[in-house]
Amino acid sequence: MRLQNVLQALIFIWVGMPSILLAEEKPNIVIILTDDQGYADVSYNPYSPPEVSTPNIDALAHSSIICTQGYTSGHVCSPTRAGLMTGRFQQRFGIYTAGEGGSGVPLDEVFIPQRLKPAGYVSGALGKWHLGLTTEYHAMNRGFDEFYGFMGRGAHPYFDHSDMDHPIYRGLNPIKEEGYLTTRITEEAVDFIDRHKEDPFFLYVAYNAVHAPPEAPEGDIKNVTGDETRDTLMAMIKHLDMGVGEIVNSLRKHNIFDNTLLIFLTDNGGSGAMHANNAPLRGFKQMDYEGGIHVPFIVSWPAQLEGGKKCDVPMWSIDLFATALDAAGLPLPKDKPLDGKSILPALKGETDKLHEELYWSSAGEKGKWAIRSGNWKLVAEKNRIELFDLKKDLSETTNLSKKHPKVVTKLTAKYNEWLDKMAPPVSKQEKRWNPDATAPAKKMSNKEKKAAREKKKAERIKARAAEKSNQTPGSLK
């Protein structure tokens, strides 16, 4: 009898072992971040116009969880990326604008792959970086094991990669490259998955599509709207959508899709300059109206999350760091506390609130800021301040500030209390708009900006060389 019990126990352990191992297997983590894609420039959005067709993104959305209240922490590229990579308000370390973020995130901030590495994750970053131009800010000096892409702004040519002042990099080295950049980023993503299918990996795919300039393979540009820019944008979206499909298919091919936490979102609202469509939202990129910060946001993890659903809990890009740690079974850091929270409890229906408030600020030069608290949202620009009830008015058409002055006062106080805790802007602009401040200097031309960047770069190189020469063996002891 005793022998029979032992045998039964051994059989139970043997049969249950695969599921136990699966439960302990760390998920892969993939973040696909698109650039300036309109809220209605995905065809799963019922407001999308007829020219929009994104079958692969739609298929992912319908089999996953569509986060209807997904936001980014910035209304332009680089601030959002800084918040996403650190899991912290980017304003905590002085980044309020694209120029500030593009100059580099402070080196004492910790990025996602640096937290994942001790758990055995291999990490790759592909596409647009926009978190510093010089070597010390390179993705591979911020925890990533591999990098393919470019360091600078979003406006990188899609075909011409010959400018070695703003090159494509493989690893730490500039390379000569050919091909349509959206396609090349996709190919690199598929190759990364092929090579690391046996490892737990973190893959950050930051397409520069569909940021300006409007460029796509000529054969794919069809006259469907009568608007040349919009027609080119549709061709760019076609290749972006194909890329998403190839990444998903690669994960499925290697039987790792189910245990991959895949998050798809864009870095800010669609761009008016590219004739994006953000319906039903008001505004565009560079605005704190919903059209500038409320984005397509999809989460898939079949092994843990039931797909085919929607989640209406407000969440944002800063939450992805904490979510990655939660999925990997890792503790939250104590040395650099995160402002983001894991979205997994909301996706599983375990909570209907992640944040009391969400905050946006681009500091004093433009005087733009916003706060969302519950269904109330306050949007300000210099002297103008507007209040909206997003539950009743997602399109922000009716300003309720005069009808609810107490709400305005309360939210303004909350915003100011939050801003007081943030660092001064690294550009030395004021935190708050000051109507009495000296008028800003005349904007530099692109040529002048390039010359200024090159001058700063030369100064940094010279300073580092001088510092290195001063570090004698005795001084290093």
Protein backbone atom coordinates (compact mmCIF):
# COMPACT_ATOMS: atom_id res chain seq x y z
CA MET A 1 0.00 0.00 0.00
CA ARG A 2 2.83 2.32 0.92
CA LEU A 3 4.62 1.50 -2.36
CA GLN A 4 1.43 2.26 -4.32
CA ASN A 5 1.16 5.69 -2.64
CA VAL A 6 4.78 6.46 -3.50
CA LEU A 7 4.23 5.47 -7.13
CA GLN A 8 1.09 7.61 -7.33
CA ALA A 9 3.00 10.54 -5.88
CA LEU A 10 5.81 10.10 -8.42
CA ILE A 11 3.31 9.93 -11.29
CA PHE A 12 1.58 13.08 -10.04
CA ILE A 13 4.91 14.93 -9.87
CA TRP A 14 5.93 13.72 -13.34
CA VAL A 15 2.60 14.67 -14.94
CA GLY A 16 2.50 18.05 -13.22
CA MET A 17 6.11 18.94 -13.94
CA PRO A 18 5.62 20.57 -17.38
CA SER A 19 2.98 22.95 -16.05
CA ILE A 20 5.13 23.77 -13.04
CA LEU A 21 8.10 24.50 -15.29
CA LEU A 22 5.91 26.61 -17.55
CA ALA A 23 4.67 28.64 -14.59
CA GLU A 24 8.26 29.29 -13.55
CA GLU A 25 9.39 30.14 -17.09
CA LYS A 26 10.01 33.85 -17.38
CA PRO A 27 8.02 35.51 -20.16
CA ASN A 28 9.61 37.31 -23.06
CA ILE A 29 8.79 41.01 -23.09
CA VAL A 30 8.29 42.92 -26.34
CA ILE A 31 7.41 46.60 -26.56
CA ILE A 32 6.49 47.90 -30.01
CA LEU A 33 6.52 51.70 -29.94
CA THR A 34 5.38 53.46 -33.10
CA ASP A 35 5.99 57.13 -33.80
CA ASP A 36 3.29 59.80 -34.26
CA GLN A 37 0.62 57.26 -35.27
CA GLY A 38 -2.87 58.71 -35.16
CA TYR A 39 -5.48 57.37 -32.75
CA ALA A 40 -7.77 56.61 -35.70
CA ASP A 41 -4.93 55.47 -37.96
CA VAL A 42 -5.54 51.91 -36.81
CA SER A 43 -8.56 50.31 -38.42
CA TYR A 44 -9.75 48.56 -35.24
CA ASN A 45 -10.79 52.04 -34.08
CA PRO A 46 -14.44 52.47 -35.17
CA TYR A 47 -13.66 56.14 -35.96
CA SER A 48 -10.94 55.25 -38.47
CA PRO A 49 -11.65 56.55 -42.00
CA PRO A 50 -12.01 54.10 -44.91
CA GLU A 51 -8.48 54.59 -46.25
CA VAL A 52 -6.95 53.14 -43.07
CA SER A 53 -6.15 49.41 -43.19
CA THR A 54 -4.11 47.74 -40.45
CA PRO A 55 -5.12 44.06 -40.58
CA ASN A 56 -2.17 42.79 -38.53
CA ILE A 57 -2.51 45.38 -35.78
CA ASP A 58 -6.26 44.73 -35.77
CA ALA A 59 -5.74 40.97 -35.41
CA LEU A 60 -3.40 41.56 -32.49
CA ALA A 61 -5.89 43.98 -30.90
CA HIS A 62 -8.87 41.66 -31.20
CA SER A 63 -6.98 38.71 -29.70
CA SER A 64 -5.51 40.87 -26.91
CA ILE A 65 -6.68 43.54 -24.49
CA ILE A 66 -7.39 46.96 -25.97
CA CYS A 67 -6.61 49.62 -23.38
CA THR A 68 -9.11 52.34 -24.19
CA GLN A 69 -7.62 54.78 -21.68
CA GLY A 70 -3.95 54.38 -22.64
CA TYR A 71 -1.79 57.50 -22.44
CA THR A 72 1.79 58.59 -22.94
CA SER A 73 3.63 60.75 -20.43
CA GLY A 74 4.66 63.26 -23.08
CA HIS A 75 3.02 64.91 -26.06
CA VAL A 76 6.25 64.60 -28.07
CA CYS A 77 8.71 61.80 -28.74
CA SER A 78 11.67 62.01 -26.37
CA PRO A 79 9.95 62.83 -23.05
CA THR A 80 7.67 59.80 -23.49
CA ARG A 81 10.68 57.57 -24.18
CA ALA A 82 12.49 58.90 -21.12
CA GLY A 83 9.51 58.14 -18.89
CA LEU A 84 8.98 54.71 -20.45
CA MET A 85 12.61 53.62 -20.07
CA THR A 86 12.91 54.77 -16.44
CA GLY A 87 9.39 54.11 -15.15
CA ARG A 88 9.54 57.57 -13.58
CA PHE A 89 8.11 60.99 -14.33
CA GLN A 90 10.66 62.30 -16.81
CA GLN A 91 10.29 65.66 -15.10
CA ARG A 92 11.92 64.12 -11.99
CA PHE A 93 15.22 64.38 -13.82
CA GLY A 94 14.56 67.62 -15.67
CA ILE A 95 13.15 66.44 -19.00
CA TYR A 96 10.11 68.39 -20.11
CA THR A 97 10.71 68.82 -23.86
CA ALA A 98 11.99 66.85 -26.85
CA GLY A 99 15.17 68.89 -26.92
CA GLU A 100 15.87 68.13 -23.27
CA GLY A 101 15.21 64.41 -23.66
CA GLY A 102 17.14 64.19 -26.90
CA SER A 103 20.20 65.62 -25.19
CA GLY A 104 20.36 62.58 -22.90
CA VAL A 105 18.74 61.06 -19.82
CA PRO A 106 20.97 61.56 -16.74
CA LEU A 107 23.35 58.62 -16.38
CA ASP A 108 22.29 57.87 -12.82
CA GLU A 109 18.81 56.92 -14.02
CA VAL A 110 18.25 53.17 -14.47
CA PHE A 111 16.67 51.74 -17.62
CA ILE A 112 14.43 48.66 -17.96
CA PRO A 113 17.10 46.25 -19.31
CA GLN A 114 19.40 47.04 -16.40
CA ARG A 115 16.77 45.70 -14.00
CA LEU A 116 16.00 42.66 -16.17
CA LYS A 117 19.59 41.59 -16.82
CA PRO A 118 20.21 40.00 -13.37
CA ALA A 119 17.20 37.74 -14.04
CA GLY A 120 18.88 36.36 -17.17
CA TYR A 121 17.20 38.54 -19.81
CA VAL A 122 19.01 39.40 -23.03
CA SER A 123 17.87 42.80 -24.34
CA GLY A 124 17.75 44.42 -27.75
CA ALA A 125 16.80 47.95 -28.81
CA LEU A 126 15.85 48.64 -32.42
CA GLY A 127 14.97 51.79 -34.33
CA LYS A 128 14.73 55.28 -32.93
CA TRP A 129 16.61 55.98 -29.68
CA HIS A 130 16.26 59.75 -29.10
CA LEU A 131 17.62 59.58 -25.54
CA GLY A 132 21.04 61.10 -26.14
CA LEU A 133 23.36 61.50 -29.12
CA THR A 134 26.77 60.68 -27.67
CA THR A 135 28.36 57.37 -26.72
CA GLU A 136 27.67 57.53 -23.00
CA TYR A 137 23.93 57.75 -23.76
CA HIS A 138 23.98 54.92 -26.30
CA ALA A 139 21.44 52.12 -25.73
CA MET A 140 24.23 49.61 -25.14
CA ASN A 141 25.59 51.81 -22.37
CA ARG A 142 22.11 51.85 -20.78
CA GLY A 143 21.74 48.10 -20.35
CA PHE A 144 20.88 46.80 -23.82
CA ASP A 145 22.97 43.95 -25.22
CA GLU A 146 22.22 44.79 -28.85
CA PHE A 147 21.26 47.88 -30.81
CA TYR A 148 20.30 48.60 -34.39
CA GLY A 149 18.99 52.03 -35.25
CA PHE A 150 19.76 55.71 -35.01
CA MET A 151 20.48 57.96 -32.06
CA GLY A 152 18.86 61.21 -33.08
CA ARG A 153 15.46 62.68 -33.74
CA GLY A 154 12.48 61.03 -35.40
CA ALA A 155 12.88 62.86 -38.69
CA HIS A 156 15.35 60.33 -40.09
CA PRO A 157 15.17 59.51 -43.80
CA TYR A 158 13.59 56.18 -44.62
CA PHE A 159 15.67 55.47 -47.75
CA ASP A 160 18.82 57.62 -47.67
CA HIS A 161 21.16 56.47 -44.89
CA SER A 162 24.29 58.09 -46.32
CA ASP A 163 24.61 60.97 -43.82
CA MET A 164 27.30 59.63 -41.52
CA ASP A 165 26.79 62.59 -39.17
CA HIS A 166 23.46 60.91 -38.31
CA PRO A 167 24.14 57.29 -39.17
CA ILE A 168 22.49 53.97 -38.62
CA TYR A 169 24.30 52.01 -35.91
CA ARG A 170 24.80 48.32 -35.39
CA GLY A 171 25.94 48.00 -31.84
CA LEU A 172 28.25 50.90 -31.05
CA ASN A 173 29.45 51.28 -34.63
CA PRO A 174 28.03 53.43 -37.45
CA ILE A 175 27.32 51.39 -40.57
CA LYS A 176 26.49 51.98 -44.21
CA GLU A 177 22.95 50.79 -44.70
CA GLU A 178 20.46 50.31 -47.51
CA GLY A 179 16.76 49.60 -47.65
CA TYR A 180 13.47 51.03 -46.41
CA LEU A 181 14.03 51.68 -42.73
CA THR A 182 10.69 50.35 -41.47
CA THR A 183 11.36 47.07 -43.25
CA ARG A 184 14.95 46.92 -41.98
CA ILE A 185 13.81 47.40 -38.36
CA THR A 186 11.29 44.58 -38.80
CA GLU A 187 13.96 42.29 -40.26
CA GLU A 188 16.24 43.01 -37.31
CA ALA A 189 13.41 42.27 -34.86
CA VAL A 190 12.68 38.91 -36.51
CA ASP A 191 16.40 38.08 -36.51
CA PHE A 192 16.69 38.94 -32.80
CA ILE A 193 13.77 36.64 -31.98
CA ASP A 194 15.26 33.84 -34.10
CA ARG A 195 18.59 34.07 -32.28
CA HIS A 196 17.20 34.40 -28.76
CA LYS A 197 14.15 32.17 -28.88
CA GLU A 198 15.62 29.93 -26.17
CA ASP A 199 16.37 32.83 -23.81
CA PRO A 200 14.08 35.09 -21.86
CA PHE A 201 14.43 38.34 -23.81
CA PHE A 202 13.35 41.96 -23.74
CA LEU A 203 12.92 43.44 -27.20
CA TYR A 204 12.22 47.15 -27.63
CA VAL A 205 11.12 47.86 -31.21
CA ALA A 206 10.91 51.64 -31.63
CA TYR A 207 9.81 52.25 -35.21
CA ASN A 208 10.35 55.80 -36.45
CA ALA A 209 7.30 55.17 -38.62
CA VAL A 210 5.16 57.11 -39.14
CA HIS A 211 7.12 60.24 -38.20
CA ALA A 212 7.98 62.73 -40.94
CA PRO A 213 9.37 62.81 -43.59
CA PRO A 214 6.54 61.29 -45.63
CA GLU A 215 8.39 58.55 -47.51
CA ALA A 216 7.29 55.12 -48.66
CA PRO A 217 8.02 52.74 -51.56
CA GLU A 218 6.58 54.43 -54.62
CA GLY A 219 4.56 51.40 -55.69
CA ASP A 220 2.66 51.43 -52.41
CA ILE A 221 1.52 55.06 -52.56
CA LYS A 222 -2.03 55.09 -53.93
CA ASN A 223 -4.24 58.09 -54.64
CA VAL A 224 -6.97 57.17 -52.16
CA THR A 225 -7.68 60.52 -50.47
CA GLY A 226 -6.49 63.16 -52.93
CA ASP A 227 -4.08 64.34 -50.22
CA GLU A 228 -0.51 63.45 -51.18
CA THR A 229 0.80 63.52 -47.63
CA ARG A 230 -2.10 61.46 -46.30
CA ASP A 231 -1.74 58.96 -49.14
CA THR A 232 1.97 58.56 -48.38
CA LEU A 233 1.13 58.15 -44.70
CA MET A 234 -1.18 55.26 -45.57
CA ALA A 235 1.65 53.54 -47.43
CA MET A 236 3.94 54.07 -44.43
CA ILE A 237 1.29 52.58 -42.14
CA LYS A 238 0.99 49.59 -44.48
CA HIS A 239 4.65 48.74 -43.95
CA LEU A 240 4.41 49.39 -40.22
CA ASP A 241 1.43 47.05 -39.99
CA MET A 242 3.27 44.41 -42.00
CA GLY A 243 6.14 44.71 -39.52
CA VAL A 244 3.87 44.10 -36.55
CA GLY A 245 2.48 41.04 -38.32
CA GLU A 246 5.96 39.64 -38.99
CA ILE A 247 7.02 40.10 -35.37
CA VAL A 248 3.89 38.31 -34.12
CA ASN A 249 4.33 35.54 -36.71
CA SER A 250 7.96 35.05 -35.64
CA LEU A 251 6.91 34.63 -32.03
CA ARG A 252 4.23 32.13 -33.06
CA LYS A 253 6.62 30.24 -35.33
CA HIS A 254 8.90 29.55 -32.37
CA ASN A 255 5.96 28.70 -30.06
CA ILE A 256 6.81 31.57 -27.69
CA PHE A 257 3.94 33.93 -28.48
CA ASP A 258 1.73 32.70 -25.64
CA ASN A 259 4.38 33.37 -23.02
CA THR A 260 5.37 36.76 -24.44
CA LEU A 261 4.10 39.96 -22.87
CA LEU A 262 3.69 42.11 -25.97
CA ILE A 263 2.70 45.76 -25.64
CA PHE A 264 1.90 47.93 -28.64
CA LEU A 265 1.50 51.69 -28.37
CA THR A 266 2.59 54.92 -30.00
CA ASP A 267 4.79 57.60 -28.44
CA ASN A 268 2.29 60.48 -28.62
CA GLY A 269 -0.70 61.57 -30.61
CA GLY A 270 -0.76 61.66 -34.39
CA SER A 271 0.99 64.57 -36.10
CA GLY A 272 -0.95 67.31 -37.81
CA ALA A 273 2.02 67.89 -40.11
CA MET A 274 1.63 64.32 -41.39
CA HIS A 275 -2.16 64.69 -41.71
CA ALA A 276 -2.80 62.02 -39.07
CA ASN A 277 -6.32 61.27 -37.89
CA ASN A 278 -6.92 61.22 -34.11
CA ALA A 279 -10.71 60.90 -34.17
CA PRO A 280 -12.67 61.21 -31.97
CA LEU A 281 -10.02 63.06 -29.97
CA ARG A 282 -9.21 66.75 -30.07
CA GLY A 283 -5.78 67.99 -31.12
CA PHE A 284 -2.49 66.53 -32.27
CA LYS A 285 1.05 65.83 -31.21
CA GLN A 286 2.57 68.70 -29.15
CA MET A 287 -0.77 69.31 -27.43
CA ASP A 288 -2.07 68.15 -24.05
CA TYR A 289 -5.56 67.62 -25.42
CA GLU A 290 -6.46 63.94 -25.76
CA GLY A 291 -5.30 63.91 -29.38
CA GLY A 292 -1.75 64.61 -28.25
CA ILE A 293 -1.42 62.05 -25.44
CA HIS A 294 -4.21 59.42 -25.71
CA VAL A 295 -2.89 56.67 -27.98
CA PRO A 296 -3.50 53.19 -29.43
CA PHE A 297 -2.50 50.82 -26.62
CA ILE A 298 -2.69 47.01 -26.85
CA VAL A 299 -1.49 44.32 -24.43
CA SER A 300 -1.10 40.61 -25.24
CA TRP A 301 0.05 37.77 -22.98
CA PRO A 302 -2.10 34.71 -23.75
CA ALA A 303 -0.51 32.61 -20.99
CA GLN A 304 -1.74 35.05 -18.35
CA LEU A 305 -4.33 37.40 -19.84
CA GLU A 306 -7.64 36.58 -21.47
CA GLY A 307 -7.80 38.26 -24.86
CA GLY A 308 -10.70 39.71 -26.80
CA LYS A 309 -11.42 42.29 -24.12
CA LYS A 310 -11.18 45.98 -23.41
CA CYS A 311 -9.76 47.64 -20.31
CA ASP A 312 -11.08 51.10 -19.45
CA VAL A 313 -8.69 51.83 -16.57
CA PRO A 314 -6.47 54.88 -17.22
CA MET A 315 -2.83 53.84 -17.61
CA TRP A 316 0.22 55.23 -19.36
CA SER A 317 3.64 54.57 -20.81
CA ILE A 318 5.43 55.13 -17.50
CA ASP A 319 3.68 51.98 -16.21
CA LEU A 320 5.48 49.64 -18.60
CA PHE A 321 8.65 49.41 -16.47
CA ALA A 322 6.76 48.21 -13.38
CA THR A 323 4.67 45.91 -15.58
CA ALA A 324 7.80 44.29 -17.03
CA LEU A 325 9.22 43.68 -13.55
CA ASP A 326 5.89 42.26 -12.36
CA ALA A 327 5.69 39.90 -15.33
CA ALA A 328 9.27 38.74 -14.75
CA GLY A 329 8.61 38.18 -11.04
CA LEU A 330 11.13 40.82 -10.00
CA PRO A 331 10.83 43.24 -7.08
CA LEU A 332 10.34 46.97 -7.51
CA PRO A 333 13.54 48.98 -7.05
CA LYS A 334 14.14 50.88 -3.83
CA ASP A 335 17.08 53.00 -5.00
CA LYS A 336 15.08 54.66 -7.79
CA PRO A 337 11.40 54.29 -6.82
CA LEU A 338 9.10 54.01 -9.81
CA ASP A 339 6.19 56.36 -10.44
CA GLY A 340 4.58 53.81 -12.74
CA LYS A 341 2.57 50.82 -11.56
CA SER A 342 2.08 47.38 -12.99
CA ILE A 343 -0.97 47.37 -15.24
CA LEU A 344 -1.45 43.61 -14.86
CA PRO A 345 -3.97 43.88 -11.98
CA ALA A 346 -6.09 46.24 -14.09
CA LEU A 347 -5.87 43.94 -17.11
CA LYS A 348 -6.95 40.99 -14.96
CA GLY A 349 -9.93 42.91 -13.58
CA GLU A 350 -8.52 43.04 -10.07
CA THR A 351 -8.62 46.86 -9.79
CA ASP A 352 -10.41 49.73 -11.49
CA LYS A 353 -7.82 52.36 -10.58
CA LEU A 354 -4.05 52.53 -10.95
CA HIS A 355 -3.41 56.25 -10.41
CA GLU A 356 -5.16 59.03 -8.53
CA GLU A 357 -3.86 61.55 -11.07
CA LEU A 358 -1.90 61.70 -14.32
CA TYR A 359 0.27 64.74 -15.00
CA TRP A 360 1.74 66.38 -18.08
CA SER A 361 4.12 69.33 -18.22
CA SER A 362 6.43 70.83 -20.85
CA ALA A 363 7.57 73.57 -18.42
CA GLY A 364 7.49 77.32 -18.69
CA GLU A 365 8.62 78.34 -22.15
CA LYS A 366 5.40 77.16 -23.80
CA GLY A 367 3.39 77.05 -20.58
CA LYS A 368 1.60 73.80 -21.46
CA TRP A 369 0.41 71.42 -18.75
CA ALA A 370 -2.48 69.14 -17.88
CA ILE A 371 -3.78 66.92 -15.11
CA ARG A 372 -6.32 64.12 -15.20
CA SER A 373 -8.08 63.16 -11.96
CA GLY A 374 -10.89 60.63 -12.32
CA ASN A 375 -13.00 61.83 -15.23
CA TRP A 376 -11.92 65.45 -14.80
CA LYS A 377 -9.14 66.83 -16.96
CA LEU A 378 -7.62 70.28 -16.72
CA VAL A 379 -5.68 71.55 -19.76
CA ALA A 380 -3.66 74.76 -19.61
CA GLU A 381 -1.53 76.81 -21.95
CA LYS A 382 -0.12 80.06 -20.56
CA ASN A 383 -3.15 82.07 -19.39
CA ARG A 384 -5.74 79.76 -20.90
CA ILE A 385 -7.19 77.03 -18.71
CA GLU A 386 -9.94 74.56 -19.65
CA LEU A 387 -11.80 71.87 -17.75
CA PHE A 388 -13.38 68.82 -19.33
CA ASP A 389 -15.43 65.85 -18.16
CA LEU A 390 -13.91 63.02 -20.21
CA LYS A 391 -16.66 60.56 -19.36
CA LYS A 392 -19.24 62.75 -21.07
CA ASP A 393 -16.96 64.65 -23.45
CA LEU A 394 -13.97 62.62 -24.64
CA SER A 395 -13.57 65.02 -27.58
CA GLU A 396 -13.06 67.94 -25.16
CA THR A 397 -15.56 70.21 -26.84
CA THR A 398 -17.15 71.83 -23.76
CA ASN A 399 -15.05 73.91 -21.38
CA LEU A 400 -16.55 73.59 -17.88
CA SER A 401 -14.03 75.77 -16.04
CA LYS A 402 -16.51 78.57 -15.30
CA LYS A 403 -19.21 76.13 -14.26
CA HIS A 404 -16.92 74.26 -11.84
CA PRO A 405 -14.37 76.77 -10.49
CA LYS A 406 -13.75 74.70 -7.35
CA VAL A 407 -12.67 71.75 -9.45
CA VAL A 408 -10.29 74.03 -11.35
CA THR A 409 -8.81 75.32 -8.10
CA LYS A 410 -8.44 71.83 -6.65
CA LEU A 411 -6.78 70.35 -9.74
CA THR A 412 -4.50 73.36 -10.17
CA ALA A 413 -3.33 72.96 -6.58
CA LYS A 414 -2.67 69.25 -7.12
CA TYR A 415 -0.69 69.99 -10.27
CA ASN A 416 1.40 72.65 -8.55
CA GLU A 417 2.09 70.34 -5.61
CA TRP A 418 3.30 67.69 -8.04
CA LEU A 419 5.40 70.14 -10.07
CA ASP A 420 7.11 71.41 -6.93
CA LYS A 421 8.55 67.90 -6.46
CA MET A 422 9.99 67.76 -9.97
CA ALA A 423 13.51 68.81 -10.95
CA PRO A 424 14.29 72.07 -12.75
CA PRO A 425 14.37 71.69 -16.54
CA VAL A 426 17.84 70.74 -17.78
CA SER A 427 17.57 73.45 -20.45
CA LYS A 428 17.38 76.11 -17.69
CA GLN A 429 13.91 77.23 -18.80
CA GLU A 430 11.53 78.04 -15.97
CA LYS A 431 9.24 75.32 -14.65
CA ARG A 432 6.15 77.50 -14.97
CA TRP A 433 5.12 79.99 -17.58
CA ASN A 434 6.07 83.50 -16.52
CA PRO A 435 4.39 86.29 -18.53
CA ASP A 436 6.96 88.75 -17.18
CA ALA A 437 9.96 86.71 -18.29
CA THR A 438 12.20 88.00 -21.03
CA ALA A 439 10.96 87.01 -24.46
CA PRO A 440 12.64 83.84 -25.71
CA ALA A 441 15.46 84.19 -28.17
CA LYS A 442 14.74 83.90 -31.87
CA LYS A 443 14.45 80.28 -32.95
CA MET A 444 17.56 78.85 -34.58
CA SER A 445 17.51 77.47 -38.11
CA ASN A 446 18.19 73.78 -38.62
CA LYS A 447 21.70 74.66 -39.80
CA GLU A 448 22.31 76.71 -36.64
CA LYS A 449 20.93 73.91 -34.46
CA LYS A 450 23.27 71.41 -36.12
CA ALA A 451 26.25 73.72 -35.60
CA ALA A 452 25.29 74.19 -31.94
CA ARG A 453 24.98 70.43 -31.43
CA GLU A 454 28.36 69.81 -33.04
CA LYS A 455 29.94 72.51 -30.87
CA LYS A 456 28.50 70.96 -27.69
CA LYS A 457 29.65 67.52 -28.81
CA ALA A 458 33.19 68.78 -29.41
CA GLU A 459 33.18 70.45 -26.01
CA ARG A 460 32.07 67.23 -24.31
CA ILE A 461 34.75 65.19 -26.09
CA LYS A 462 37.41 67.76 -25.15
CA ALA A 463 36.23 67.79 -21.53
CA ARG A 464 36.28 63.99 -21.30
CA ALA A 465 39.78 63.87 -22.80
CA ALA A 466 41.00 66.48 -20.34
CA GLU A 467 39.41 64.60 -17.44
CA LYS A 468 41.02 61.36 -18.57
CA SER A 469 44.47 62.94 -18.86
CA ASN A 470 44.14 64.33 -15.33
CA GLN A 471 43.40 60.91 -13.87
CA THR A 472 46.97 59.88 -13.00
CA PRO A 473 47.51 56.42 -11.45
CA GLY A 474 47.93 58.03 -8.06
CA SER A 475 44.65 59.94 -8.31
CA LEU A 476 42.70 56.77 -9.06
CA LYS A 477 43.72 55.00 -5.86
